[in-house]
Amino acid sequence: MLLKMGVDISRLERPIRRALNKIDAVFQKYGKESVITSTYEGNHSPGSLYYANLAVDIRSRDLSESEKNELFKELSIVLESGYDVVDENGHIHFEYDP
């Protein structure tokens, strides 16, 4: 797993930190490198789980639609309940919100 320049994962809470290895394993299964592009830094909506250190964005611009669909299926299996996975413009948003 790589970090975009300027991204800090040191504040991430345990539930989202634990998910990172699982997310990375799914990306690797499909021959893709996972890149965290955002955590708490940047501009997010008030009340966002980024500010609670329970959310990350991972780059998806290099994935085809079929690859994204397969990744989403796999992620829904490997991540326990309480995790939300949302396809957004150029990235996949992951948050822990039980």
C-alpha atoms as a PDB file:
ATOM      1  CA  MET A   1       0.000   0.000   0.000  1.00  0.00           C
ATOM      2  CA  LEU A   2       1.314   3.421  -0.947  1.00  0.00           C
ATOM      3  CA  LEU A   3       0.534   6.888   0.363  1.00  0.00           C
ATOM      4  CA  LYS A   4       0.041   9.939  -1.801  1.00  0.00           C
ATOM      5  CA  MET A   5       2.512  12.679  -0.880  1.00  0.00           C
ATOM      6  CA  GLY A   6       1.251  14.570   2.180  1.00  0.00           C
ATOM      7  CA  VAL A   7      -1.163  11.891   3.410  1.00  0.00           C
ATOM      8  CA  ASP A   8      -0.843  10.977   7.085  1.00  0.00           C
ATOM      9  CA  ILE A   9      -2.180   7.670   8.400  1.00  0.00           C
ATOM     10  CA  SER A  10      -0.725   8.019  11.903  1.00  0.00           C
ATOM     11  CA  ARG A  11      -4.023   9.241  13.383  1.00  0.00           C
ATOM     12  CA  LEU A  12      -6.239   6.511  11.951  1.00  0.00           C
ATOM     13  CA  GLU A  13      -8.332   4.689  14.513  1.00  0.00           C
ATOM     14  CA  ARG A  14      -7.959   0.947  14.951  1.00  0.00           C
ATOM     15  CA  PRO A  15     -11.045  -0.186  12.950  1.00  0.00           C
ATOM     16  CA  ILE A  16     -10.051   1.623   9.759  1.00  0.00           C
ATOM     17  CA  ARG A  17      -6.362   0.815  10.261  1.00  0.00           C
ATOM     18  CA  ARG A  18      -7.210  -2.899  10.493  1.00  0.00           C
ATOM     19  CA  ALA A  19      -9.149  -2.692   7.245  1.00  0.00           C
ATOM     20  CA  LEU A  20      -6.146  -1.349   5.303  1.00  0.00           C
ATOM     21  CA  ASN A  21      -4.408  -4.734   5.072  1.00  0.00           C
ATOM     22  CA  LYS A  22      -7.595  -6.368   3.831  1.00  0.00           C
ATOM     23  CA  ILE A  23      -8.183  -3.623   1.275  1.00  0.00           C
ATOM     24  CA  ASP A  24      -4.606  -3.866   0.052  1.00  0.00           C
ATOM     25  CA  ALA A  25      -4.846  -7.662  -0.262  1.00  0.00           C
ATOM     26  CA  VAL A  26      -7.909  -7.317  -2.506  1.00  0.00           C
ATOM     27  CA  PHE A  27      -6.164  -4.767  -4.733  1.00  0.00           C
ATOM     28  CA  GLN A  28      -3.103  -7.041  -4.964  1.00  0.00           C
ATOM     29  CA  LYS A  29      -5.304 -10.002  -5.874  1.00  0.00           C
ATOM     30  CA  TYR A  30      -6.277  -8.058  -8.999  1.00  0.00           C
ATOM     31  CA  GLY A  31      -2.700  -6.964  -9.682  1.00  0.00           C
ATOM     32  CA  LYS A  32      -3.294  -3.357  -8.612  1.00  0.00           C
ATOM     33  CA  GLU A  33      -1.419  -1.137  -6.195  1.00  0.00           C
ATOM     34  CA  SER A  34      -3.578   0.540  -3.560  1.00  0.00           C
ATOM     35  CA  VAL A  35      -2.780   4.203  -2.953  1.00  0.00           C
ATOM     36  CA  ILE A  36      -4.291   6.128  -0.042  1.00  0.00           C
ATOM     37  CA  THR A  37      -5.049   9.603  -1.353  1.00  0.00           C
ATOM     38  CA  SER A  38      -6.764  11.171   1.661  1.00  0.00           C
ATOM     39  CA  THR A  39      -7.402  10.812   5.381  1.00  0.00           C
ATOM     40  CA  TYR A  40      -8.173  13.738   7.716  1.00  0.00           C
ATOM     41  CA  GLU A  41      -6.185  16.299   5.717  1.00  0.00           C
ATOM     42  CA  GLY A  42      -7.957  18.274   3.043  1.00  0.00           C
ATOM     43  CA  ASN A  43     -11.445  19.727   2.887  1.00  0.00           C
ATOM     44  CA  HIS A  44     -14.246  17.412   3.898  1.00  0.00           C
ATOM     45  CA  SER A  45     -17.825  18.103   4.910  1.00  0.00           C
ATOM     46  CA  PRO A  46     -18.478  19.026   8.536  1.00  0.00           C
ATOM     47  CA  GLY A  47     -19.082  15.941  10.651  1.00  0.00           C
ATOM     48  CA  SER A  48     -17.185  13.775   8.177  1.00  0.00           C
ATOM     49  CA  LEU A  49     -15.661  10.591   9.534  1.00  0.00           C
ATOM     50  CA  TYR A  50     -12.323  11.779   8.117  1.00  0.00           C
ATOM     51  CA  TYR A  51     -12.114  14.122  11.094  1.00  0.00           C
ATOM     52  CA  ALA A  52     -12.869  11.229  13.461  1.00  0.00           C
ATOM     53  CA  ASN A  53      -9.962   9.372  11.790  1.00  0.00           C
ATOM     54  CA  LEU A  54     -12.308   6.639  10.578  1.00  0.00           C
ATOM     55  CA  ALA A  55     -12.182   7.208   6.807  1.00  0.00           C
ATOM     56  CA  VAL A  56      -9.733   6.939   3.917  1.00  0.00           C
ATOM     57  CA  ASP A  57      -9.840   7.370   0.160  1.00  0.00           C
ATOM     58  CA  ILE A  58      -8.015   4.987  -2.146  1.00  0.00           C
ATOM     59  CA  ARG A  59      -7.256   5.812  -5.775  1.00  0.00           C
ATOM     60  CA  SER A  60      -9.429   4.093  -8.357  1.00  0.00           C
ATOM     61  CA  ARG A  61      -8.752   6.109 -11.506  1.00  0.00           C
ATOM     62  CA  ASP A  62      -6.533   3.297 -12.838  1.00  0.00           C
ATOM     63  CA  LEU A  63      -9.309   0.710 -12.558  1.00  0.00           C
ATOM     64  CA  SER A  64     -11.709  -0.243 -15.316  1.00  0.00           C
ATOM     65  CA  GLU A  65     -15.406  -0.465 -14.465  1.00  0.00           C
ATOM     66  CA  SER A  66     -15.260  -4.271 -14.482  1.00  0.00           C
ATOM     67  CA  GLU A  67     -12.238  -4.229 -12.152  1.00  0.00           C
ATOM     68  CA  LYS A  68     -14.048  -1.863  -9.795  1.00  0.00           C
ATOM     69  CA  ASN A  69     -17.097  -4.116  -9.797  1.00  0.00           C
ATOM     70  CA  GLU A  70     -14.962  -7.149  -8.930  1.00  0.00           C
ATOM     71  CA  LEU A  71     -13.136  -5.212  -6.218  1.00  0.00           C
ATOM     72  CA  PHE A  72     -16.435  -4.123  -4.662  1.00  0.00           C
ATOM     73  CA  LYS A  73     -17.712  -7.705  -4.597  1.00  0.00           C
ATOM     74  CA  GLU A  74     -14.531  -8.930  -2.947  1.00  0.00           C
ATOM     75  CA  LEU A  75     -14.412  -6.049  -0.464  1.00  0.00           C
ATOM     76  CA  SER A  76     -17.988  -6.708   0.628  1.00  0.00           C
ATOM     77  CA  ILE A  77     -16.849 -10.221   1.574  1.00  0.00           C
ATOM     78  CA  VAL A  78     -13.577  -9.392   3.366  1.00  0.00           C
ATOM     79  CA  LEU A  79     -14.701  -6.301   5.311  1.00  0.00           C
ATOM     80  CA  GLU A  80     -16.908  -6.933   8.305  1.00  0.00           C
ATOM     81  CA  SER A  81     -20.185  -5.137   8.826  1.00  0.00           C
ATOM     82  CA  GLY A  82     -19.855  -1.514   9.820  1.00  0.00           C
ATOM     83  CA  TYR A  83     -17.704  -0.525   6.851  1.00  0.00           C
ATOM     84  CA  ASP A  84     -19.090   1.631   4.061  1.00  0.00           C
ATOM     85  CA  VAL A  85     -17.450   1.492   0.635  1.00  0.00           C
ATOM     86  CA  VAL A  86     -18.465   4.178  -1.858  1.00  0.00           C
ATOM     87  CA  ASP A  87     -17.320   4.653  -5.444  1.00  0.00           C
ATOM     88  CA  GLU A  88     -16.570   8.342  -5.903  1.00  0.00           C
ATOM     89  CA  ASN A  89     -14.964  10.317  -8.711  1.00  0.00           C
ATOM     90  CA  GLY A  90     -11.429   8.902  -9.068  1.00  0.00           C
ATOM     91  CA  HIS A  91     -11.329   7.176  -5.713  1.00  0.00           C
ATOM     92  CA  ILE A  92     -13.063   4.693  -3.445  1.00  0.00           C
ATOM     93  CA  HIS A  93     -14.152   6.045  -0.084  1.00  0.00           C
ATOM     94  CA  PHE A  94     -13.861   3.680   2.898  1.00  0.00           C
ATOM     95  CA  GLU A  95     -15.238   4.485   6.316  1.00  0.00           C
ATOM     96  CA  TYR A  96     -16.017   2.690   9.519  1.00  0.00           C
ATOM     97  CA  ASP A  97     -19.503   3.676  10.638  1.00  0.00           C
ATOM     98  CA  PRO A  98     -21.171   0.843  12.600  1.00  0.00           C
END
